[in-house]
Amino acid sequence: MMAELDGMILRVDSLTDRLNMIDTERCDRMDSAFRHQRDGIEALLVDTITKDTAMIIGNYYRAMNKSLGRVRKQWNEVHEELKKSRKQIEDLRHDLDRRLLPDGPKNTYFQQELLILDELDRNVNVLERSYATAVREWDDKAEQVERILSKNARDVE
């Protein structure tokens, strides 16, 4: 069980490293730009626009609103949960090393930590995919969306 706990600590560290690969400063910059575009995009989405423009605007809006929003809202929470999980696993390892727990609670705590770690793994995967979606849409469409918004603003005047 000690070796498994050591492996769980390595897994938490790996998940933390993966989470830290998400460039939260870039997310903040993208979100700031999107907040300035949001009203114009929402106005375009209720307006009569071509199918191609609607696809560009709609996909971009969904990625910035949902995917980027998820990353910005959940990154700190997941990061804190990873730190908490690592500490709990270290504490469990310490208690087992000192033979402070009977078998029943020891097995229960071990299984709980495995379940928590599996959930954290899923959460990190979701955030990685959400970040990738937001970055891809940003890189592919941000300038195009800005041109559409500028053209629409000129047409309205």
C-alpha atoms as a PDB file:
ATOM      1  CA  MET A   1       0.000   0.000   0.000  1.00  0.00           C
ATOM      2  CA  MET A   2       2.916   2.358   0.677  1.00  0.00           C
ATOM      3  CA  ALA A   3       4.140   1.953  -2.897  1.00  0.00           C
ATOM      4  CA  GLU A   4       0.630   2.636  -4.163  1.00  0.00           C
ATOM      5  CA  LEU A   5       0.445   5.784  -2.055  1.00  0.00           C
ATOM      6  CA  ASP A   6       3.801   6.895  -3.467  1.00  0.00           C
ATOM      7  CA  GLY A   7       2.366   6.305  -6.939  1.00  0.00           C
ATOM      8  CA  MET A   8      -0.699   8.359  -6.034  1.00  0.00           C
ATOM      9  CA  ILE A   9       1.530  11.241  -4.921  1.00  0.00           C
ATOM     10  CA  LEU A  10       3.326  11.063  -8.278  1.00  0.00           C
ATOM     11  CA  ARG A  11      -0.047  11.038 -10.032  1.00  0.00           C
ATOM     12  CA  VAL A  12      -1.167  14.158  -8.123  1.00  0.00           C
ATOM     13  CA  ASP A  13       2.116  15.859  -9.055  1.00  0.00           C
ATOM     14  CA  SER A  14       1.618  14.903 -12.696  1.00  0.00           C
ATOM     15  CA  LEU A  15      -1.940  16.267 -12.680  1.00  0.00           C
ATOM     16  CA  THR A  16      -0.690  19.471 -11.070  1.00  0.00           C
ATOM     17  CA  ASP A  17       1.993  19.810 -13.753  1.00  0.00           C
ATOM     18  CA  ARG A  18      -0.614  19.277 -16.473  1.00  0.00           C
ATOM     19  CA  LEU A  19      -2.927  21.842 -14.908  1.00  0.00           C
ATOM     20  CA  ASN A  20      -0.063  24.307 -14.654  1.00  0.00           C
ATOM     21  CA  MET A  21       0.521  23.945 -18.412  1.00  0.00           C
ATOM     22  CA  ILE A  22      -2.700  25.900 -18.923  1.00  0.00           C
ATOM     23  CA  ASP A  23      -1.648  29.490 -19.504  1.00  0.00           C
ATOM     24  CA  THR A  24      -4.027  31.314 -17.182  1.00  0.00           C
ATOM     25  CA  GLU A  25      -2.578  34.703 -18.159  1.00  0.00           C
ATOM     26  CA  ARG A  26      -3.431  33.967 -21.780  1.00  0.00           C
ATOM     27  CA  CYS A  27      -6.916  32.941 -20.650  1.00  0.00           C
ATOM     28  CA  ASP A  28      -7.283  36.274 -18.872  1.00  0.00           C
ATOM     29  CA  ARG A  29      -6.222  38.178 -22.008  1.00  0.00           C
ATOM     30  CA  MET A  30      -8.599  36.202 -24.220  1.00  0.00           C
ATOM     31  CA  ASP A  31     -11.426  36.722 -21.742  1.00  0.00           C
ATOM     32  CA  SER A  32     -10.774  40.446 -21.557  1.00  0.00           C
ATOM     33  CA  ALA A  33     -10.945  40.757 -25.339  1.00  0.00           C
ATOM     34  CA  PHE A  34     -14.053  38.546 -25.472  1.00  0.00           C
ATOM     35  CA  ARG A  35     -15.839  40.679 -22.859  1.00  0.00           C
ATOM     36  CA  HIS A  36     -15.379  43.677 -25.186  1.00  0.00           C
ATOM     37  CA  GLN A  37     -16.751  41.674 -28.111  1.00  0.00           C
ATOM     38  CA  ARG A  38     -19.607  39.958 -26.278  1.00  0.00           C
ATOM     39  CA  ASP A  39     -22.370  42.539 -26.806  1.00  0.00           C
ATOM     40  CA  GLY A  40     -21.554  42.877 -30.499  1.00  0.00           C
ATOM     41  CA  ILE A  41     -21.481  39.103 -30.954  1.00  0.00           C
ATOM     42  CA  GLU A  42     -24.790  38.642 -29.133  1.00  0.00           C
ATOM     43  CA  ALA A  43     -26.360  41.371 -31.290  1.00  0.00           C
ATOM     44  CA  LEU A  44     -25.091  39.638 -34.430  1.00  0.00           C
ATOM     45  CA  LEU A  45     -26.466  36.280 -33.312  1.00  0.00           C
ATOM     46  CA  VAL A  46     -30.013  37.650 -33.118  1.00  0.00           C
ATOM     47  CA  ASP A  47     -29.588  39.551 -36.385  1.00  0.00           C
ATOM     48  CA  THR A  48     -30.006  38.078 -39.838  1.00  0.00           C
ATOM     49  CA  ILE A  49     -26.535  36.964 -40.926  1.00  0.00           C
ATOM     50  CA  THR A  50     -25.238  34.451 -43.413  1.00  0.00           C
ATOM     51  CA  LYS A  51     -24.855  30.820 -42.399  1.00  0.00           C
ATOM     52  CA  ASP A  52     -21.061  31.026 -42.723  1.00  0.00           C
ATOM     53  CA  THR A  53     -20.890  34.109 -40.504  1.00  0.00           C
ATOM     54  CA  ALA A  54     -23.261  32.523 -38.004  1.00  0.00           C
ATOM     55  CA  MET A  55     -21.054  29.418 -37.809  1.00  0.00           C
ATOM     56  CA  ILE A  56     -17.914  31.491 -37.242  1.00  0.00           C
ATOM     57  CA  ILE A  57     -19.524  33.746 -34.664  1.00  0.00           C
ATOM     58  CA  GLY A  58     -21.465  30.935 -32.948  1.00  0.00           C
ATOM     59  CA  ASN A  59     -18.533  28.549 -32.585  1.00  0.00           C
ATOM     60  CA  TYR A  60     -16.274  31.333 -31.369  1.00  0.00           C
ATOM     61  CA  TYR A  61     -18.886  32.583 -28.884  1.00  0.00           C
ATOM     62  CA  ARG A  62     -19.486  29.087 -27.522  1.00  0.00           C
ATOM     63  CA  ALA A  63     -15.751  28.425 -27.108  1.00  0.00           C
ATOM     64  CA  MET A  64     -15.079  31.741 -25.391  1.00  0.00           C
ATOM     65  CA  ASN A  65     -18.201  31.666 -23.248  1.00  0.00           C
ATOM     66  CA  LYS A  66     -18.310  27.990 -22.250  1.00  0.00           C
ATOM     67  CA  SER A  67     -14.839  26.508 -22.684  1.00  0.00           C
ATOM     68  CA  LEU A  68     -12.801  29.522 -21.672  1.00  0.00           C
ATOM     69  CA  GLY A  69     -15.330  30.355 -18.961  1.00  0.00           C
ATOM     70  CA  ARG A  70     -14.979  26.838 -17.531  1.00  0.00           C
ATOM     71  CA  VAL A  71     -11.191  27.110 -17.406  1.00  0.00           C
ATOM     72  CA  ARG A  72     -11.295  30.506 -15.734  1.00  0.00           C
ATOM     73  CA  LYS A  73     -13.923  29.437 -13.193  1.00  0.00           C
ATOM     74  CA  GLN A  74     -12.552  26.009 -12.294  1.00  0.00           C
ATOM     75  CA  TRP A  75      -8.756  26.260 -12.596  1.00  0.00           C
ATOM     76  CA  ASN A  76      -8.161  27.610  -9.060  1.00  0.00           C
ATOM     77  CA  GLU A  77     -10.642  25.192  -7.541  1.00  0.00           C
ATOM     78  CA  VAL A  78      -9.035  22.157  -9.183  1.00  0.00           C
ATOM     79  CA  HIS A  79      -5.569  23.424  -8.268  1.00  0.00           C
ATOM     80  CA  GLU A  80      -6.606  23.739  -4.602  1.00  0.00           C
ATOM     81  CA  GLU A  81      -8.203  20.282  -4.658  1.00  0.00           C
ATOM     82  CA  LEU A  82      -4.961  18.818  -6.024  1.00  0.00           C
ATOM     83  CA  LYS A  83      -2.986  20.417  -3.191  1.00  0.00           C
ATOM     84  CA  LYS A  84      -5.508  19.142  -0.659  1.00  0.00           C
ATOM     85  CA  SER A  85      -5.435  15.645  -2.145  1.00  0.00           C
ATOM     86  CA  ARG A  86      -1.641  15.520  -2.072  1.00  0.00           C
ATOM     87  CA  LYS A  87      -1.618  16.524   1.593  1.00  0.00           C
ATOM     88  CA  GLN A  88      -4.249  13.930   2.476  1.00  0.00           C
ATOM     89  CA  ILE A  89      -2.310  11.188   0.687  1.00  0.00           C
ATOM     90  CA  GLU A  90       0.897  12.258   2.431  1.00  0.00           C
ATOM     91  CA  ASP A  91      -0.935  12.229   5.783  1.00  0.00           C
ATOM     92  CA  LEU A  92      -2.350   8.779   5.065  1.00  0.00           C
ATOM     93  CA  ARG A  93       1.098   7.538   4.092  1.00  0.00           C
ATOM     94  CA  HIS A  94       2.528   8.979   7.311  1.00  0.00           C
ATOM     95  CA  ASP A  95      -0.182   7.324   9.417  1.00  0.00           C
ATOM     96  CA  LEU A  96       0.334   3.970   7.684  1.00  0.00           C
ATOM     97  CA  ASP A  97       4.092   4.209   8.044  1.00  0.00           C
ATOM     98  CA  ARG A  98       3.630   4.728  11.783  1.00  0.00           C
ATOM     99  CA  ARG A  99       0.932   1.993  11.945  1.00  0.00           C
ATOM    100  CA  LEU A 100      -1.592   4.432  13.382  1.00  0.00           C
ATOM    101  CA  LEU A 101      -4.619   3.070  11.502  1.00  0.00           C
ATOM    102  CA  PRO A 102      -6.379  -0.287  11.760  1.00  0.00           C
ATOM    103  CA  ASP A 103      -7.060  -2.168   8.527  1.00  0.00           C
ATOM    104  CA  GLY A 104     -10.727  -1.136   8.130  1.00  0.00           C
ATOM    105  CA  PRO A 105     -10.217   2.646   8.208  1.00  0.00           C
ATOM    106  CA  LYS A 106      -6.909   2.309   6.379  1.00  0.00           C
ATOM    107  CA  ASN A 107      -8.582   0.592   3.432  1.00  0.00           C
ATOM    108  CA  THR A 108     -11.520   3.013   3.493  1.00  0.00           C
ATOM    109  CA  TYR A 109      -9.263   6.075   3.440  1.00  0.00           C
ATOM    110  CA  PHE A 110      -7.139   4.548   0.708  1.00  0.00           C
ATOM    111  CA  GLN A 111     -10.193   3.856  -1.465  1.00  0.00           C
ATOM    112  CA  GLN A 112     -11.554   7.363  -0.851  1.00  0.00           C
ATOM    113  CA  GLU A 113      -8.289   8.908  -1.969  1.00  0.00           C
ATOM    114  CA  LEU A 114      -8.323   6.782  -5.120  1.00  0.00           C
ATOM    115  CA  LEU A 115     -11.841   7.985  -5.930  1.00  0.00           C
ATOM    116  CA  ILE A 116     -10.873  11.614  -5.304  1.00  0.00           C
ATOM    117  CA  LEU A 117      -7.815  11.231  -7.492  1.00  0.00           C
ATOM    118  CA  ASP A 118      -9.875   9.710 -10.310  1.00  0.00           C
ATOM    119  CA  GLU A 119     -12.285  12.671 -10.113  1.00  0.00           C
ATOM    120  CA  LEU A 120      -9.377  15.131 -10.166  1.00  0.00           C
ATOM    121  CA  ASP A 121      -7.971  13.345 -13.200  1.00  0.00           C
ATOM    122  CA  ARG A 122     -11.315  13.801 -14.994  1.00  0.00           C
ATOM    123  CA  ASN A 123     -11.437  17.476 -13.969  1.00  0.00           C
ATOM    124  CA  VAL A 124      -7.929  18.153 -15.273  1.00  0.00           C
ATOM    125  CA  ASN A 125      -8.812  16.392 -18.545  1.00  0.00           C
ATOM    126  CA  VAL A 126     -11.924  18.543 -18.949  1.00  0.00           C
ATOM    127  CA  LEU A 127      -9.952  21.735 -18.293  1.00  0.00           C
ATOM    128  CA  GLU A 128      -7.212  20.706 -20.731  1.00  0.00           C
ATOM    129  CA  ARG A 129      -9.775  20.019 -23.460  1.00  0.00           C
ATOM    130  CA  SER A 130     -11.639  23.237 -22.693  1.00  0.00           C
ATOM    131  CA  TYR A 131      -8.411  25.224 -22.848  1.00  0.00           C
ATOM    132  CA  ALA A 132      -7.448  23.580 -26.144  1.00  0.00           C
ATOM    133  CA  THR A 133     -10.863  24.419 -27.602  1.00  0.00           C
ATOM    134  CA  ALA A 134     -10.669  28.041 -26.470  1.00  0.00           C
ATOM    135  CA  VAL A 135      -7.133  28.502 -27.801  1.00  0.00           C
ATOM    136  CA  ARG A 136      -7.955  26.836 -31.115  1.00  0.00           C
ATOM    137  CA  GLU A 137     -11.029  29.021 -31.648  1.00  0.00           C
ATOM    138  CA  TRP A 138      -9.136  32.109 -30.531  1.00  0.00           C
ATOM    139  CA  ASP A 139      -6.214  31.421 -32.855  1.00  0.00           C
ATOM    140  CA  ASP A 140      -8.464  30.507 -35.782  1.00  0.00           C
ATOM    141  CA  LYS A 141     -11.253  33.060 -35.436  1.00  0.00           C
ATOM    142  CA  ALA A 142     -10.518  36.010 -33.119  1.00  0.00           C
ATOM    143  CA  GLU A 143      -9.266  38.279 -35.892  1.00  0.00           C
ATOM    144  CA  GLN A 144     -12.027  37.168 -38.224  1.00  0.00           C
ATOM    145  CA  VAL A 145     -14.660  37.847 -35.556  1.00  0.00           C
ATOM    146  CA  GLU A 146     -13.159  41.262 -34.906  1.00  0.00           C
ATOM    147  CA  ARG A 147     -13.377  42.083 -38.647  1.00  0.00           C
ATOM    148  CA  ILE A 148     -17.010  40.917 -38.743  1.00  0.00           C
ATOM    149  CA  LEU A 149     -17.831  43.060 -35.707  1.00  0.00           C
ATOM    150  CA  SER A 150     -16.060  46.082 -37.196  1.00  0.00           C
ATOM    151  CA  LYS A 151     -17.827  45.658 -40.532  1.00  0.00           C
ATOM    152  CA  ASN A 152     -21.176  45.288 -38.783  1.00  0.00           C
ATOM    153  CA  ALA A 153     -20.548  48.431 -36.719  1.00  0.00           C
ATOM    154  CA  ARG A 154     -19.744  50.391 -39.903  1.00  0.00           C
ATOM    155  CA  ASP A 155     -22.854  49.021 -41.645  1.00  0.00           C
ATOM    156  CA  VAL A 156     -25.045  50.084 -38.710  1.00  0.00           C
ATOM    157  CA  GLU A 157     -23.718  53.649 -38.845  1.00  0.00           C
END
